[in-house]
All heavy atoms as atom14 arrays in JSON, in Angstrom:
{
  "sequence": "TIVIPIYNEEEVLPQLVRRLDDMSKSL",
  "atom14_mask": [
    [1, 1, 1, 1, 1, 1, 1, 0, 0, 0, 0, 0, 0, 0],
    [1, 1, 1, 1, 1, 1, 1, 1, 0, 0, 0, 0, 0, 0],
    [1, 1, 1, 1, 1, 1, 1, 0, 0, 0, 0, 0, 0, 0],
    [1, 1, 1, 1, 1, 1, 1, 1, 0, 0, 0, 0, 0, 0],
    [1, 1, 1, 1, 1, 1, 1, 0, 0, 0, 0, 0, 0, 0],
    [1, 1, 1, 1, 1, 1, 1, 1, 0, 0, 0, 0, 0, 0],
    [1, 1, 1, 1, 1, 1, 1, 1, 1, 1, 1, 1, 0, 0],
    [1, 1, 1, 1, 1, 1, 1, 1, 0, 0, 0, 0, 0, 0],
    [1, 1, 1, 1, 1, 1, 1, 1, 1, 0, 0, 0, 0, 0],
    [1, 1, 1, 1, 1, 1, 1, 1, 1, 0, 0, 0, 0, 0],
    [1, 1, 1, 1, 1, 1, 1, 1, 1, 0, 0, 0, 0, 0],
    [1, 1, 1, 1, 1, 1, 1, 0, 0, 0, 0, 0, 0, 0],
    [1, 1, 1, 1, 1, 1, 1, 1, 0, 0, 0, 0, 0, 0],
    [1, 1, 1, 1, 1, 1, 1, 0, 0, 0, 0, 0, 0, 0],
    [1, 1, 1, 1, 1, 1, 1, 1, 1, 0, 0, 0, 0, 0],
    [1, 1, 1, 1, 1, 1, 1, 1, 0, 0, 0, 0, 0, 0],
    [1, 1, 1, 1, 1, 1, 1, 0, 0, 0, 0, 0, 0, 0],
    [1, 1, 1, 1, 1, 1, 1, 1, 1, 1, 1, 0, 0, 0],
    [1, 1, 1, 1, 1, 1, 1, 1, 1, 1, 1, 0, 0, 0],
    [1, 1, 1, 1, 1, 1, 1, 1, 0, 0, 0, 0, 0, 0],
    [1, 1, 1, 1, 1, 1, 1, 1, 0, 0, 0, 0, 0, 0],
    [1, 1, 1, 1, 1, 1, 1, 1, 0, 0, 0, 0, 0, 0],
    [1, 1, 1, 1, 1, 1, 1, 1, 0, 0, 0, 0, 0, 0],
    [1, 1, 1, 1, 1, 1, 0, 0, 0, 0, 0, 0, 0, 0],
    [1, 1, 1, 1, 1, 1, 1, 1, 1, 0, 0, 0, 0, 0],
    [1, 1, 1, 1, 1, 1, 0, 0, 0, 0, 0, 0, 0, 0],
    [1, 1, 1, 1, 1, 1, 1, 1, 0, 0, 0, 0, 0, 0]
  ],
  "atom14_positions": [
    [[55.28, -27.02, 157.34], [55.74, -28.4, 157.57], [57.2, -28.38, 158.0], [58.06, -27.87, 157.25], [55.6, -29.25, 156.31], [54.25, -29.26, 155.89], [56.04, -30.69, 156.58], [0.0, 0.0, 0.0], [0.0, 0.0, 0.0], [0.0, 0.0, 0.0], [0.0, 0.0, 0.0], [0.0, 0.0, 0.0], [0.0, 0.0, 0.0], [0.0, 0.0, 0.0]],
    [[57.45, -28.85, 159.19], [58.82, -28.91, 159.72], [59.34, -30.31, 159.41], [58.86, -31.27, 159.99], [58.88, -28.6, 161.21], [58.32, -27.2, 161.44], [60.31, -28.73, 161.73], [58.26, -26.81, 162.92], [0.0, 0.0, 0.0], [0.0, 0.0, 0.0], [0.0, 0.0, 0.0], [0.0, 0.0, 0.0], [0.0, 0.0, 0.0], [0.0, 0.0, 0.0]],
    [[60.29, -30.42, 158.49], [60.85, -31.69, 158.05], [62.09, -32.0, 158.88], [63.02, -31.19, 158.98], [61.21, -31.66, 156.56], [61.94, -32.92, 156.15], [59.95, -31.48, 155.73], [0.0, 0.0, 0.0], [0.0, 0.0, 0.0], [0.0, 0.0, 0.0], [0.0, 0.0, 0.0], [0.0, 0.0, 0.0], [0.0, 0.0, 0.0], [0.0, 0.0, 0.0]],
    [[62.09, -33.18, 159.52], [63.21, -33.6, 160.35], [63.75, -34.93, 159.88], [63.19, -36.01, 160.19], [62.78, -33.72, 161.84], [62.04, -32.46, 162.31], [64.0, -34.02, 162.71], [60.59, -32.66, 162.53], [0.0, 0.0, 0.0], [0.0, 0.0, 0.0], [0.0, 0.0, 0.0], [0.0, 0.0, 0.0], [0.0, 0.0, 0.0], [0.0, 0.0, 0.0]],
    [[64.81, -34.92, 159.06], [65.46, -36.18, 158.72], [66.09, -36.76, 159.98], [66.82, -36.05, 160.67], [66.51, -35.78, 157.68], [66.16, -34.39, 157.27], [65.46, -33.8, 158.43], [0.0, 0.0, 0.0], [0.0, 0.0, 0.0], [0.0, 0.0, 0.0], [0.0, 0.0, 0.0], [0.0, 0.0, 0.0], [0.0, 0.0, 0.0], [0.0, 0.0, 0.0]],
    [[65.88, -38.06, 160.23], [66.31, -38.56, 161.54], [66.85, -40.0, 161.35], [66.33, -40.79, 160.59], [65.14, -38.51, 162.55], [65.68, -38.58, 163.95], [64.08, -39.53, 162.26], [64.67, -38.02, 164.97], [0.0, 0.0, 0.0], [0.0, 0.0, 0.0], [0.0, 0.0, 0.0], [0.0, 0.0, 0.0], [0.0, 0.0, 0.0], [0.0, 0.0, 0.0]],
    [[67.92, -40.27, 162.1], [68.57, -41.59, 162.02], [69.15, -41.91, 163.42], [70.03, -41.25, 163.89], [69.68, -41.57, 160.97], [70.46, -42.87, 160.9], [69.86, -44.04, 160.48], [71.8, -42.89, 161.25], [70.59, -45.24, 160.42], [72.54, -44.06, 161.18], [71.94, -45.26, 160.75], [72.63, -46.4, 160.69], [0.0, 0.0, 0.0], [0.0, 0.0, 0.0]],
    [[68.54, -42.93, 164.03], [69.03, -43.4, 165.37], [69.14, -42.26, 166.37], [70.17, -41.96, 166.98], [70.39, -44.07, 165.23], [70.32, -45.4, 164.48], [69.25, -45.92, 164.3], [71.47, -45.95, 164.11], [0.0, 0.0, 0.0], [0.0, 0.0, 0.0], [0.0, 0.0, 0.0], [0.0, 0.0, 0.0], [0.0, 0.0, 0.0], [0.0, 0.0, 0.0]],
    [[68.01, -41.58, 166.58], [67.96, -40.45, 167.53], [66.89, -40.65, 168.61], [66.27, -39.69, 169.05], [67.67, -39.14, 166.78], [68.72, -38.73, 165.78], [70.03, -38.25, 166.42], [70.11, -38.28, 167.68], [70.94, -37.83, 165.66], [0.0, 0.0, 0.0], [0.0, 0.0, 0.0], [0.0, 0.0, 0.0], [0.0, 0.0, 0.0], [0.0, 0.0, 0.0]],
    [[66.72, -41.9, 169.08], [65.7, -42.15, 170.08], [65.91, -41.4, 171.37], [64.94, -41.01, 172.06], [65.63, -43.64, 170.36], [66.87, -44.24, 170.94], [66.73, -45.71, 171.35], [65.56, -46.09, 171.63], [67.71, -46.46, 171.33], [0.0, 0.0, 0.0], [0.0, 0.0, 0.0], [0.0, 0.0, 0.0], [0.0, 0.0, 0.0], [0.0, 0.0, 0.0]],
    [[67.16, -41.12, 171.72], [67.45, -40.42, 172.97], [67.1, -38.9, 172.86], [66.76, -38.28, 173.88], [68.94, -40.55, 173.33], [69.4, -41.98, 173.53], [70.88, -42.05, 173.86], [71.34, -41.25, 174.66], [71.56, -42.93, 173.28], [0.0, 0.0, 0.0], [0.0, 0.0, 0.0], [0.0, 0.0, 0.0], [0.0, 0.0, 0.0], [0.0, 0.0, 0.0]],
    [[67.16, -38.35, 171.68], [66.93, -36.91, 171.51], [65.46, -36.59, 171.28], [64.99, -35.49, 171.55], [67.77, -36.4, 170.32], [67.64, -34.87, 170.21], [69.23, -36.79, 170.5], [0.0, 0.0, 0.0], [0.0, 0.0, 0.0], [0.0, 0.0, 0.0], [0.0, 0.0, 0.0], [0.0, 0.0, 0.0], [0.0, 0.0, 0.0], [0.0, 0.0, 0.0]],
    [[64.68, -37.56, 170.79], [63.31, -37.28, 170.34], [62.42, -36.56, 171.36], [61.77, -35.57, 171.0], [62.65, -38.6, 169.91], [62.73, -38.95, 168.41], [62.12, -40.33, 168.16], [62.02, -37.91, 167.59], [0.0, 0.0, 0.0], [0.0, 0.0, 0.0], [0.0, 0.0, 0.0], [0.0, 0.0, 0.0], [0.0, 0.0, 0.0], [0.0, 0.0, 0.0]],
    [[62.38, -37.0, 172.61], [61.48, -36.28, 173.57], [61.84, -34.85, 173.69], [60.94, -33.96, 173.73], [61.7, -37.06, 174.86], [62.17, -38.43, 174.44], [63.0, -38.18, 173.24], [0.0, 0.0, 0.0], [0.0, 0.0, 0.0], [0.0, 0.0, 0.0], [0.0, 0.0, 0.0], [0.0, 0.0, 0.0], [0.0, 0.0, 0.0], [0.0, 0.0, 0.0]],
    [[63.11, -34.5, 173.82], [63.54, -33.1, 173.95], [63.21, -32.32, 172.67], [62.74, -31.17, 172.74], [65.02, -33.03, 174.2], [65.48, -33.72, 175.48], [66.99, -33.64, 175.64], [67.54, -32.53, 175.66], [67.66, -34.78, 175.7], [0.0, 0.0, 0.0], [0.0, 0.0, 0.0], [0.0, 0.0, 0.0], [0.0, 0.0, 0.0], [0.0, 0.0, 0.0]],
    [[63.48, -32.94, 171.51], [63.22, -32.3, 170.23], [61.73, -31.94, 170.08], [61.41, -30.79, 169.72], [63.69, -33.21, 169.11], [63.36, -32.73, 167.68], [64.09, -31.42, 167.37], [63.77, -33.79, 166.65], [0.0, 0.0, 0.0], [0.0, 0.0, 0.0], [0.0, 0.0, 0.0], [0.0, 0.0, 0.0], [0.0, 0.0, 0.0], [0.0, 0.0, 0.0]],
    [[60.88, -32.89, 170.35], [59.4, -32.66, 170.16], [58.95, -31.61, 171.16], [58.12, -30.74, 170.82], [58.66, -33.98, 170.35], [57.17, -33.72, 170.35], [58.99, -34.95, 169.23], [0.0, 0.0, 0.0], [0.0, 0.0, 0.0], [0.0, 0.0, 0.0], [0.0, 0.0, 0.0], [0.0, 0.0, 0.0], [0.0, 0.0, 0.0], [0.0, 0.0, 0.0]],
    [[59.45, -31.65, 172.39], [59.04, -30.65, 173.36], [59.44, -29.23, 172.96], [58.6, -28.29, 173.04], [59.68, -30.98, 174.74], [59.25, -30.03, 175.85], [59.72, -30.48, 177.2], [61.18, -30.52, 177.28], [61.91, -31.61, 177.32], [61.31, -32.82, 177.26], [63.22, -31.59, 177.43], [0.0, 0.0, 0.0], [0.0, 0.0, 0.0], [0.0, 0.0, 0.0]],
    [[60.66, -29.06, 172.42], [61.07, -27.75, 172.02], [60.32, -27.28, 170.78], [59.99, -26.07, 170.62], [62.57, -27.71, 171.83], [63.34, -27.76, 173.12], [64.83, -27.71, 172.93], [65.29, -26.46, 172.28], [66.59, -26.21, 172.06], [67.52, -27.1, 172.41], [66.93, -25.08, 171.47], [0.0, 0.0, 0.0], [0.0, 0.0, 0.0], [0.0, 0.0, 0.0]],
    [[60.06, -28.19, 169.85], [59.28, -27.84, 168.67], [57.86, -27.4, 169.04], [57.28, -26.47, 168.49], [59.23, -29.01, 167.7], [60.54, -29.29, 166.91], [60.39, -30.58, 166.12], [60.87, -28.15, 165.97], [0.0, 0.0, 0.0], [0.0, 0.0, 0.0], [0.0, 0.0, 0.0], [0.0, 0.0, 0.0], [0.0, 0.0, 0.0], [0.0, 0.0, 0.0]],
    [[57.29, -28.13, 170.01], [55.93, -27.83, 170.45], [55.87, -26.45, 171.15], [54.99, -25.66, 170.9], [55.45, -28.89, 171.4], [54.06, -28.64, 171.93], [53.13, -28.47, 171.1], [53.86, -28.59, 173.15], [0.0, 0.0, 0.0], [0.0, 0.0, 0.0], [0.0, 0.0, 0.0], [0.0, 0.0, 0.0], [0.0, 0.0, 0.0], [0.0, 0.0, 0.0]],
    [[56.89, -26.17, 172.0], [56.95, -24.87, 172.63], [57.13, -23.78, 171.61], [56.51, -22.69, 171.74], [58.12, -24.82, 173.62], [57.92, -25.73, 174.82], [56.73, -26.09, 175.07], [58.9, -26.11, 175.51], [0.0, 0.0, 0.0], [0.0, 0.0, 0.0], [0.0, 0.0, 0.0], [0.0, 0.0, 0.0], [0.0, 0.0, 0.0], [0.0, 0.0, 0.0]],
    [[57.9, -24.0, 170.6], [58.08, -23.0, 169.55], [56.8, -22.73, 168.79], [56.4, -21.61, 168.53], [59.22, -23.46, 168.58], [59.51, -22.56, 167.42], [58.38, -22.75, 166.03], [58.6, -24.5, 165.66], [0.0, 0.0, 0.0], [0.0, 0.0, 0.0], [0.0, 0.0, 0.0], [0.0, 0.0, 0.0], [0.0, 0.0, 0.0], [0.0, 0.0, 0.0]],
    [[56.07, -23.82, 168.45], [54.88, -23.66, 167.68], [53.79, -22.92, 168.38], [52.95, -22.29, 167.76], [54.37, -25.08, 167.28], [53.93, -25.8, 168.41], [0.0, 0.0, 0.0], [0.0, 0.0, 0.0], [0.0, 0.0, 0.0], [0.0, 0.0, 0.0], [0.0, 0.0, 0.0], [0.0, 0.0, 0.0], [0.0, 0.0, 0.0], [0.0, 0.0, 0.0]],
    [[53.79, -22.94, 169.7], [52.79, -22.23, 170.48], [52.92, -20.72, 170.39], [51.99, -19.97, 170.63], [52.85, -22.67, 171.95], [52.41, -24.1, 172.17], [52.6, -24.48, 173.65], [52.18, -25.95, 173.87], [52.43, -26.36, 175.28], [0.0, 0.0, 0.0], [0.0, 0.0, 0.0], [0.0, 0.0, 0.0], [0.0, 0.0, 0.0], [0.0, 0.0, 0.0]],
    [[54.13, -20.3, 169.99], [54.4, -18.83, 169.83], [54.03, -18.34, 168.44], [54.08, -17.13, 168.19], [55.9, -18.56, 170.09], [56.27, -18.96, 171.38], [0.0, 0.0, 0.0], [0.0, 0.0, 0.0], [0.0, 0.0, 0.0], [0.0, 0.0, 0.0], [0.0, 0.0, 0.0], [0.0, 0.0, 0.0], [0.0, 0.0, 0.0], [0.0, 0.0, 0.0]],
    [[53.67, -19.24, 167.55], [53.25, -18.84, 166.2], [51.76, -18.56, 166.16], [50.97, -19.4, 166.55], [53.61, -19.93, 165.18], [55.07, -20.16, 164.9], [55.27, -21.4, 164.01], [55.71, -18.96, 164.27], [0.0, 0.0, 0.0], [0.0, 0.0, 0.0], [0.0, 0.0, 0.0], [0.0, 0.0, 0.0], [0.0, 0.0, 0.0], [0.0, 0.0, 0.0]]
  ]
}
């Protein structure tokens, strides 16, 4: 479980999810 505490980060979310998804594919 990757826990992401988040506060007012709407601009970063798409990039964050994309990089997390790319990382998870390598596991």
